[in-house]
Amino acid sequence: MTELGTLERVDLRDIWATEAQDFTPWLAQEHNLNALASVLGFDLELEAQEQDVGPFRADILCKNMDDGTWVLIENQLERTDHIHL
């Protein structure tokens, strides 16, 4: 019989101390980005990380390969607020 692991609640900051230097590069890895894209129903291709987009900075910038549109990912490890978005 196949043995399965057990899910465990962890403090996200114990895994990724910072968003820009730790979480963003992890999420932008091909297998992690593909997992996110699969859930969203997109075929994403990474274009850039921490990219200036107009007066703002995108954590992750991707191209939707299905229709050529841009997808901007603003990741957060903490609660959202109006200033951050």
PDB file of N, CA and C in Angstrom:
ATOM      1  N   MET A   1       0.837  -1.173   0.000  1.00  0.00           N
ATOM      2  CA  MET A   1       0.000   0.000   0.000  1.00  0.00           C
ATOM      3  C   MET A   1       0.889   1.245   0.000  1.00  0.00           C
ATOM      4  N   THR A   2       0.469   2.270  -0.724  1.00  0.00           N
ATOM      5  CA  THR A   2       1.218   3.520  -0.792  1.00  0.00           C
ATOM      6  C   THR A   2       1.105   4.277   0.518  1.00  0.00           C
ATOM      7  N   GLU A   3       2.241   4.742   1.013  1.00  0.00           N
ATOM      8  CA  GLU A   3       2.243   5.527   2.244  1.00  0.00           C
ATOM      9  C   GLU A   3       2.182   7.008   1.882  1.00  0.00           C
ATOM     10  N   LEU A   4       1.289   7.729   2.542  1.00  0.00           N
ATOM     11  CA  LEU A   4       1.117   9.153   2.284  1.00  0.00           C
ATOM     12  C   LEU A   4       1.710   9.972   3.418  1.00  0.00           C
ATOM     13  N   GLY A   5       2.161  11.162   3.100  1.00  0.00           N
ATOM     14  CA  GLY A   5       2.667  12.072   4.118  1.00  0.00           C
ATOM     15  C   GLY A   5       1.515  12.714   4.877  1.00  0.00           C
ATOM     16  N   THR A   6       1.845  13.432   5.913  1.00  0.00           N
ATOM     17  CA  THR A   6       0.854  14.126   6.720  1.00  0.00           C
ATOM     18  C   THR A   6       1.042  15.626   6.556  1.00  0.00           C
ATOM     19  N   LEU A   7      -0.052  16.324   6.279  1.00  0.00           N
ATOM     20  CA  LEU A   7       0.018  17.777   6.189  1.00  0.00           C
ATOM     21  C   LEU A   7       0.268  18.353   7.569  1.00  0.00           C
ATOM     22  N   GLU A   8       1.065  19.394   7.596  1.00  0.00           N
ATOM     23  CA  GLU A   8       1.435  20.008   8.864  1.00  0.00           C
ATOM     24  C   GLU A   8       1.372  21.522   8.706  1.00  0.00           C
ATOM     25  N   ARG A   9       0.757  22.199   9.661  1.00  0.00           N
ATOM     26  CA  ARG A   9       0.688  23.661   9.622  1.00  0.00           C
ATOM     27  C   ARG A   9       2.047  24.215  10.043  1.00  0.00           C
ATOM     28  N   VAL A  10       2.567  25.144   9.243  1.00  0.00           N
ATOM     29  CA  VAL A  10       3.859  25.759   9.547  1.00  0.00           C
ATOM     30  C   VAL A  10       3.719  27.273   9.438  1.00  0.00           C
ATOM     31  N   ASP A  11       4.603  27.991  10.092  1.00  0.00           N
ATOM     32  CA  ASP A  11       4.668  29.443   9.952  1.00  0.00           C
ATOM     33  C   ASP A  11       5.373  29.731   8.633  1.00  0.00           C
ATOM     34  N   LEU A  12       4.704  30.435   7.733  1.00  0.00           N
ATOM     35  CA  LEU A  12       5.270  30.699   6.409  1.00  0.00           C
ATOM     36  C   LEU A  12       6.614  31.403   6.484  1.00  0.00           C
ATOM     37  N   ARG A  13       6.796  32.258   7.476  1.00  0.00           N
ATOM     38  CA  ARG A  13       8.066  32.984   7.620  1.00  0.00           C
ATOM     39  C   ARG A  13       9.200  32.060   8.069  1.00  0.00           C
ATOM     40  N   ASP A  14       8.872  30.893   8.601  1.00  0.00           N
ATOM     41  CA  ASP A  14       9.915  29.908   8.909  1.00  0.00           C
ATOM     42  C   ASP A  14      10.446  29.275   7.626  1.00  0.00           C
ATOM     43  N   ILE A  15       9.614  29.227   6.604  1.00  0.00           N
ATOM     44  CA  ILE A  15       9.999  28.640   5.320  1.00  0.00           C
ATOM     45  C   ILE A  15      10.594  29.704   4.401  1.00  0.00           C
ATOM     46  N   TRP A  16       9.909  30.839   4.297  1.00  0.00           N
ATOM     47  CA  TRP A  16      10.341  31.943   3.438  1.00  0.00           C
ATOM     48  C   TRP A  16      10.471  33.198   4.297  1.00  0.00           C
ATOM     49  N   ALA A  17      11.678  33.570   4.649  1.00  0.00           N
ATOM     50  CA  ALA A  17      11.896  34.724   5.535  1.00  0.00           C
ATOM     51  C   ALA A  17      11.450  36.034   4.885  1.00  0.00           C
ATOM     52  N   THR A  18      11.685  36.173   3.581  1.00  0.00           N
ATOM     53  CA  THR A  18      11.280  37.389   2.871  1.00  0.00           C
ATOM     54  C   THR A  18      10.517  37.004   1.613  1.00  0.00           C
ATOM     55  N   GLU A  19       9.655  37.895   1.178  1.00  0.00           N
ATOM     56  CA  GLU A  19       8.916  37.628  -0.057  1.00  0.00           C
ATOM     57  C   GLU A  19       9.827  37.728  -1.274  1.00  0.00           C
ATOM     58  N   ALA A  20      10.546  38.845  -1.400  1.00  0.00           N
ATOM     59  CA  ALA A  20      11.330  39.117  -2.612  1.00  0.00           C
ATOM     60  C   ALA A  20      12.501  38.158  -2.796  1.00  0.00           C
ATOM     61  N   GLN A  21      13.226  37.853  -1.729  1.00  0.00           N
ATOM     62  CA  GLN A  21      14.428  37.023  -1.866  1.00  0.00           C
ATOM     63  C   GLN A  21      14.169  35.529  -1.681  1.00  0.00           C
ATOM     64  N   ASP A  22      13.061  35.170  -1.043  1.00  0.00           N
ATOM     65  CA  ASP A  22      12.813  33.755  -0.754  1.00  0.00           C
ATOM     66  C   ASP A  22      11.555  33.215  -1.434  1.00  0.00           C
ATOM     67  N   PHE A  23      10.402  33.848  -1.174  1.00  0.00           N
ATOM     68  CA  PHE A  23       9.145  33.308  -1.688  1.00  0.00           C
ATOM     69  C   PHE A  23       9.001  33.495  -3.196  1.00  0.00           C
ATOM     70  N   THR A  24       9.290  34.691  -3.696  1.00  0.00           N
ATOM     71  CA  THR A  24       9.142  34.944  -5.138  1.00  0.00           C
ATOM     72  C   THR A  24       9.990  33.990  -5.982  1.00  0.00           C
ATOM     73  N   PRO A  25      11.283  33.809  -5.682  1.00  0.00           N
ATOM     74  CA  PRO A  25      12.064  32.849  -6.473  1.00  0.00           C
ATOM     75  C   PRO A  25      11.527  31.422  -6.374  1.00  0.00           C
ATOM     76  N   TRP A  26      11.016  31.047  -5.197  1.00  0.00           N
ATOM     77  CA  TRP A  26      10.445  29.700  -5.038  1.00  0.00           C
ATOM     78  C   TRP A  26       9.205  29.551  -5.916  1.00  0.00           C
ATOM     79  N   LEU A  27       8.289  30.530  -5.852  1.00  0.00           N
ATOM     80  CA  LEU A  27       7.061  30.459  -6.642  1.00  0.00           C
ATOM     81  C   LEU A  27       7.358  30.500  -8.137  1.00  0.00           C
ATOM     82  N   ALA A  28       8.405  31.212  -8.531  1.00  0.00           N
ATOM     83  CA  ALA A  28       8.750  31.354  -9.948  1.00  0.00           C
ATOM     84  C   ALA A  28       9.446  30.123 -10.526  1.00  0.00           C
ATOM     85  N   GLN A  29       9.837  29.164  -9.679  1.00  0.00           N
ATOM     86  CA  GLN A  29      10.429  27.930 -10.203  1.00  0.00           C
ATOM     87  C   GLN A  29       9.399  27.242 -11.095  1.00  0.00           C
ATOM     88  N   GLU A  30       9.870  26.644 -12.163  1.00  0.00           N
ATOM     89  CA  GLU A  30       8.976  26.101 -13.187  1.00  0.00           C
ATOM     90  C   GLU A  30       7.899  25.178 -12.624  1.00  0.00           C
ATOM     91  N   HIS A  31       8.270  24.228 -11.768  1.00  0.00           N
ATOM     92  CA  HIS A  31       7.268  23.277 -11.268  1.00  0.00           C
ATOM     93  C   HIS A  31       6.251  23.946 -10.346  1.00  0.00           C
ATOM     94  N   ASN A  32       6.656  24.961  -9.585  1.00  0.00           N
ATOM     95  CA  ASN A  32       5.713  25.663  -8.715  1.00  0.00           C
ATOM     96  C   ASN A  32       4.802  26.581  -9.520  1.00  0.00           C
ATOM     97  N   LEU A  33       5.359  27.279 -10.493  1.00  0.00           N
ATOM     98  CA  LEU A  33       4.552  28.143 -11.354  1.00  0.00           C
ATOM     99  C   LEU A  33       3.569  27.311 -12.177  1.00  0.00           C
ATOM    100  N   ASN A  34       4.002  26.145 -12.636  1.00  0.00           N
ATOM    101  CA  ASN A  34       3.107  25.258 -13.381  1.00  0.00           C
ATOM    102  C   ASN A  34       1.959  24.758 -12.513  1.00  0.00           C
ATOM    103  N   ALA A  35       2.236  24.488 -11.233  1.00  0.00           N
ATOM    104  CA  ALA A  35       1.179  24.044 -10.317  1.00  0.00           C
ATOM    105  C   ALA A  35       0.147  25.153 -10.134  1.00  0.00           C
ATOM    106  N   LEU A  36       0.604  26.385  -9.953  1.00  0.00           N
ATOM    107  CA  LEU A  36      -0.306  27.524  -9.827  1.00  0.00           C
ATOM    108  C   LEU A  36      -1.104  27.713 -11.114  1.00  0.00           C
ATOM    109  N   ALA A  37      -0.423  27.661 -12.242  1.00  0.00           N
ATOM    110  CA  ALA A  37      -1.082  27.847 -13.539  1.00  0.00           C
ATOM    111  C   ALA A  37      -2.148  26.784 -13.774  1.00  0.00           C
ATOM    112  N   SER A  38      -1.875  25.564 -13.360  1.00  0.00           N
ATOM    113  CA  SER A  38      -2.832  24.477 -13.527  1.00  0.00           C
ATOM    114  C   SER A  38      -4.114  24.747 -12.738  1.00  0.00           C
ATOM    115  N   VAL A  39      -3.962  25.222 -11.515  1.00  0.00           N
ATOM    116  CA  VAL A  39      -5.125  25.544 -10.684  1.00  0.00           C
ATOM    117  C   VAL A  39      -5.920  26.695 -11.297  1.00  0.00           C
ATOM    118  N   LEU A  40      -5.225  27.675 -11.862  1.00  0.00           N
ATOM    119  CA  LEU A  40      -5.883  28.837 -12.460  1.00  0.00           C
ATOM    120  C   LEU A  40      -6.443  28.548 -13.853  1.00  0.00           C
ATOM    121  N   GLY A  41      -5.992  27.464 -14.469  1.00  0.00           N
ATOM    122  CA  GLY A  41      -6.450  27.123 -15.810  1.00  0.00           C
ATOM    123  C   GLY A  41      -5.723  27.872 -16.908  1.00  0.00           C
ATOM    124  N   PHE A  42      -4.490  28.309 -16.625  1.00  0.00           N
ATOM    125  CA  PHE A  42      -3.673  29.023 -17.599  1.00  0.00           C
ATOM    126  C   PHE A  42      -2.459  28.188 -17.970  1.00  0.00           C
ATOM    127  N   ASP A  43      -1.843  28.532 -19.092  1.00  0.00           N
ATOM    128  CA  ASP A  43      -0.530  28.011 -19.464  1.00  0.00           C
ATOM    129  C   ASP A  43       0.419  29.198 -19.366  1.00  0.00           C
ATOM    130  N   LEU A  44       1.143  29.299 -18.237  1.00  0.00           N
ATOM    131  CA  LEU A  44       1.981  30.465 -17.981  1.00  0.00           C
ATOM    132  C   LEU A  44       3.437  30.213 -18.324  1.00  0.00           C
ATOM    133  N   GLU A  45       4.066  31.248 -18.856  1.00  0.00           N
ATOM    134  CA  GLU A  45       5.505  31.224 -19.093  1.00  0.00           C
ATOM    135  C   GLU A  45       6.118  32.407 -18.352  1.00  0.00           C
ATOM    136  N   LEU A  46       7.110  32.132 -17.521  1.00  0.00           N
ATOM    137  CA  LEU A  46       7.771  33.172 -16.745  1.00  0.00           C
ATOM    138  C   LEU A  46       8.501  34.137 -17.669  1.00  0.00           C
ATOM    139  N   GLU A  47       8.274  35.428 -17.460  1.00  0.00           N
ATOM    140  CA  GLU A  47       8.976  36.468 -18.208  1.00  0.00           C
ATOM    141  C   GLU A  47      10.005  37.172 -17.334  1.00  0.00           C
ATOM    142  N   ALA A  48       9.642  37.477 -16.067  1.00  0.00           N
ATOM    143  CA  ALA A  48      10.561  38.217 -15.198  1.00  0.00           C
ATOM    144  C   ALA A  48      10.115  38.122 -13.744  1.00  0.00           C
ATOM    145  N   GLN A  49      11.085  38.350 -12.857  1.00  0.00           N
ATOM    146  CA  GLN A  49      10.814  38.466 -11.424  1.00  0.00           C
ATOM    147  C   GLN A  49      11.229  39.862 -10.977  1.00  0.00           C
ATOM    148  N   GLU A  50      10.489  40.412 -10.011  1.00  0.00           N
ATOM    149  CA  GLU A  50      10.781  41.748  -9.475  1.00  0.00           C
ATOM    150  C   GLU A  50      11.012  42.737 -10.619  1.00  0.00           C
ATOM    151  N   GLN A  51      10.027  42.812 -11.500  1.00  0.00           N
ATOM    152  CA  GLN A  51      10.102  43.597 -12.740  1.00  0.00           C
ATOM    153  C   GLN A  51       9.352  44.918 -12.600  1.00  0.00           C
ATOM    154  N   ASP A  52       9.976  46.022 -13.016  1.00  0.00           N
ATOM    155  CA  ASP A  52       9.278  47.304 -13.060  1.00  0.00           C
ATOM    156  C   ASP A  52       8.208  47.244 -14.139  1.00  0.00           C
ATOM    157  N   VAL A  53       6.982  47.647 -13.766  1.00  0.00           N
ATOM    158  CA  VAL A  53       5.850  47.693 -14.689  1.00  0.00           C
ATOM    159  C   VAL A  53       5.195  49.054 -14.483  1.00  0.00           C
ATOM    160  N   GLY A  54       5.501  49.989 -15.371  1.00  0.00           N
ATOM    161  CA  GLY A  54       5.033  51.361 -15.168  1.00  0.00           C
ATOM    162  C   GLY A  54       5.615  51.892 -13.869  1.00  0.00           C
ATOM    163  N   PRO A  55       4.790  52.530 -13.039  1.00  0.00           N
ATOM    164  CA  PRO A  55       5.293  53.065 -11.772  1.00  0.00           C
ATOM    165  C   PRO A  55       5.335  52.013 -10.659  1.00  0.00           C
ATOM    166  N   PHE A  56       4.996  50.770 -10.977  1.00  0.00           N
ATOM    167  CA  PHE A  56       4.909  49.710  -9.982  1.00  0.00           C
ATOM    168  C   PHE A  56       5.983  48.653 -10.219  1.00  0.00           C
ATOM    169  N   ARG A  57       6.060  47.708  -9.303  1.00  0.00           N
ATOM    170  CA  ARG A  57       7.013  46.607  -9.430  1.00  0.00           C
ATOM    171  C   ARG A  57       6.244  45.296  -9.272  1.00  0.00           C
ATOM    172  N   ALA A  58       6.323  44.443 -10.278  1.00  0.00           N
ATOM    173  CA  ALA A  58       5.638  43.149 -10.251  1.00  0.00           C
ATOM    174  C   ALA A  58       6.545  42.110  -9.609  1.00  0.00           C
ATOM    175  N   ASP A  59       5.982  41.319  -8.695  1.00  0.00           N
ATOM    176  CA  ASP A  59       6.760  40.227  -8.115  1.00  0.00           C
ATOM    177  C   ASP A  59       7.135  39.225  -9.207  1.00  0.00           C
ATOM    178  N   ILE A  60       6.131  38.808  -9.967  1.00  0.00           N
ATOM    179  CA  ILE A  60       6.349  37.852 -11.058  1.00  0.00           C
ATOM    180  C   ILE A  60       5.525  38.312 -12.257  1.00  0.00           C
ATOM    181  N   LEU A  61       6.150  38.350 -13.408  1.00  0.00           N
ATOM    182  CA  LEU A  61       5.473  38.716 -14.649  1.00  0.00           C
ATOM    183  C   LEU A  61       5.522  37.511 -15.580  1.00  0.00           C
ATOM    184  N   CYS A  62       4.335  37.098 -16.043  1.00  0.00           N
ATOM    185  CA  CYS A  62       4.233  35.919 -16.909  1.00  0.00           C
ATOM    186  C   CYS A  62       3.456  36.271 -18.165  1.00  0.00           C
ATOM    187  N   LYS A  63       3.577  35.402 -19.136  1.00  0.00           N
ATOM    188  CA  LYS A  63       2.781  35.501 -20.360  1.00  0.00           C
ATOM    189  C   LYS A  63       1.821  34.314 -20.357  1.00  0.00           C
ATOM    190  N   ASN A  64       0.535  34.594 -20.601  1.00  0.00           N
ATOM    191  CA  ASN A  64      -0.458  33.545 -20.759  1.00  0.00           C
ATOM    192  C   ASN A  64      -0.292  33.007 -22.179  1.00  0.00           C
ATOM    193  N   MET A  65       0.198  31.803 -22.297  1.00  0.00           N
ATOM    194  CA  MET A  65       0.513  31.244 -23.608  1.00  0.00           C
ATOM    195  C   MET A  65      -0.739  30.872 -24.396  1.00  0.00           C
ATOM    196  N   ASP A  66      -1.895  30.830 -23.727  1.00  0.00           N
ATOM    197  CA  ASP A  66      -3.137  30.516 -24.427  1.00  0.00           C
ATOM    198  C   ASP A  66      -3.602  31.670 -25.312  1.00  0.00           C
ATOM    199  N   ASP A  67      -3.414  32.913 -24.819  1.00  0.00           N
ATOM    200  CA  ASP A  67      -3.919  34.052 -25.587  1.00  0.00           C
ATOM    201  C   ASP A  67      -2.937  35.223 -25.695  1.00  0.00           C
ATOM    202  N   GLY A  68      -1.729  35.066 -25.145  1.00  0.00           N
ATOM    203  CA  GLY A  68      -0.706  36.095 -25.269  1.00  0.00           C
ATOM    204  C   GLY A  68      -0.829  37.258 -24.303  1.00  0.00           C
ATOM    205  N   THR A  69      -1.802  37.208 -23.389  1.00  0.00           N
ATOM    206  CA  THR A  69      -1.955  38.307 -22.436  1.00  0.00           C
ATOM    207  C   THR A  69      -0.913  38.205 -21.329  1.00  0.00           C
ATOM    208  N   TRP A  70      -0.670  39.350 -20.685  1.00  0.00           N
ATOM    209  CA  TRP A  70       0.267  39.397 -19.573  1.00  0.00           C
ATOM    210  C   TRP A  70      -0.445  39.017 -18.285  1.00  0.00           C
ATOM    211  N   VAL A  71       0.260  38.323 -17.415  1.00  0.00           N
ATOM    212  CA  VAL A  71      -0.255  37.961 -16.093  1.00  0.00           C
ATOM    213  C   VAL A  71       0.747  38.465 -15.072  1.00  0.00           C
ATOM    214  N   LEU A  72       0.282  39.330 -14.191  1.00  0.00           N
ATOM    215  CA  LEU A  72       1.123  39.897 -13.145  1.00  0.00           C
ATOM    216  C   LEU A  72       0.756  39.224 -11.823  1.00  0.00           C
ATOM    217  N   ILE A  73       1.743  38.654 -11.160  1.00  0.00           N
ATOM    218  CA  ILE A  73       1.511  37.982  -9.880  1.00  0.00           C
ATOM    219  C   ILE A  73       2.096  38.842  -8.770  1.00  0.00           C
ATOM    220  N   GLU A  74       1.243  39.261  -7.867  1.00  0.00           N
ATOM    221  CA  GLU A  74       1.657  40.001  -6.673  1.00  0.00           C
ATOM    222  C   GLU A  74       1.463  39.049  -5.496  1.00  0.00           C
ATOM    223  N   ASN A  75       2.547  38.445  -5.048  1.00  0.00           N
ATOM    224  CA  ASN A  75       2.409  37.475  -3.967  1.00  0.00           C
ATOM    225  C   ASN A  75       2.550  38.149  -2.609  1.00  0.00           C
ATOM    226  N   GLN A  76       1.913  37.552  -1.607  1.00  0.00           N
ATOM    227  CA  GLN A  76       1.971  38.073  -0.246  1.00  0.00           C
ATOM    228  C   GLN A  76       1.965  36.917   0.739  1.00  0.00           C
ATOM    229  N   LEU A  77       2.758  37.047   1.764  1.00  0.00           N
ATOM    230  CA  LEU A  77       2.764  36.063   2.841  1.00  0.00           C
ATOM    231  C   LEU A  77       1.934  36.539   4.031  1.00  0.00           C
ATOM    232  N   GLU A  78       1.590  37.801   4.037  1.00  0.00           N
ATOM    233  CA  GLU A  78       0.835  38.389   5.148  1.00  0.00           C
ATOM    234  C   GLU A  78      -0.560  38.775   4.660  1.00  0.00           C
ATOM    235  N   ARG A  79      -1.355  39.320   5.552  1.00  0.00           N
ATOM    236  CA  ARG A  79      -2.689  39.789   5.191  1.00  0.00           C
ATOM    237  C   ARG A  79      -2.580  40.922   4.175  1.00  0.00           C
ATOM    238  N   THR A  80      -3.565  41.028   3.322  1.00  0.00           N
ATOM    239  CA  THR A  80      -3.575  42.077   2.313  1.00  0.00           C
ATOM    240  C   THR A  80      -3.991  43.417   2.917  1.00  0.00           C
ATOM    241  N   ASP A  81      -3.588  44.470   2.271  1.00  0.00           N
ATOM    242  CA  ASP A  81      -4.031  45.808   2.640  1.00  0.00           C
ATOM    243  C   ASP A  81      -4.103  46.651   1.370  1.00  0.00           C
ATOM    244  N   HIS A  82      -4.791  47.773   1.444  1.00  0.00           N
ATOM    245  CA  HIS A  82      -4.991  48.601   0.252  1.00  0.00           C
ATOM    246  C   HIS A  82      -3.697  49.231  -0.245  1.00  0.00           C
ATOM    247  N   ILE A  83      -2.761  49.487   0.637  1.00  0.00           N
ATOM    248  CA  ILE A  83      -1.491  50.098   0.236  1.00  0.00           C
ATOM    249  C   ILE A  83      -0.658  49.121  -0.590  1.00  0.00           C
ATOM    250  N   HIS A  84      -0.642  47.853  -0.186  1.00  0.00           N
ATOM    251  CA  HIS A  84       0.187  46.859  -0.868  1.00  0.00           C
ATOM    252  C   HIS A  84      -0.342  46.547  -2.264  1.00  0.00           C
ATOM    253  N   LEU A  85      -1.650  46.553  -2.424  1.00  0.00           N
ATOM    254  CA  LEU A  85      -2.228  46.230  -3.722  1.00  0.00           C
ATOM    255  C   LEU A  85      -2.396  47.491  -4.529  1.00  0.00           C
TER     256      LEU A  85
END
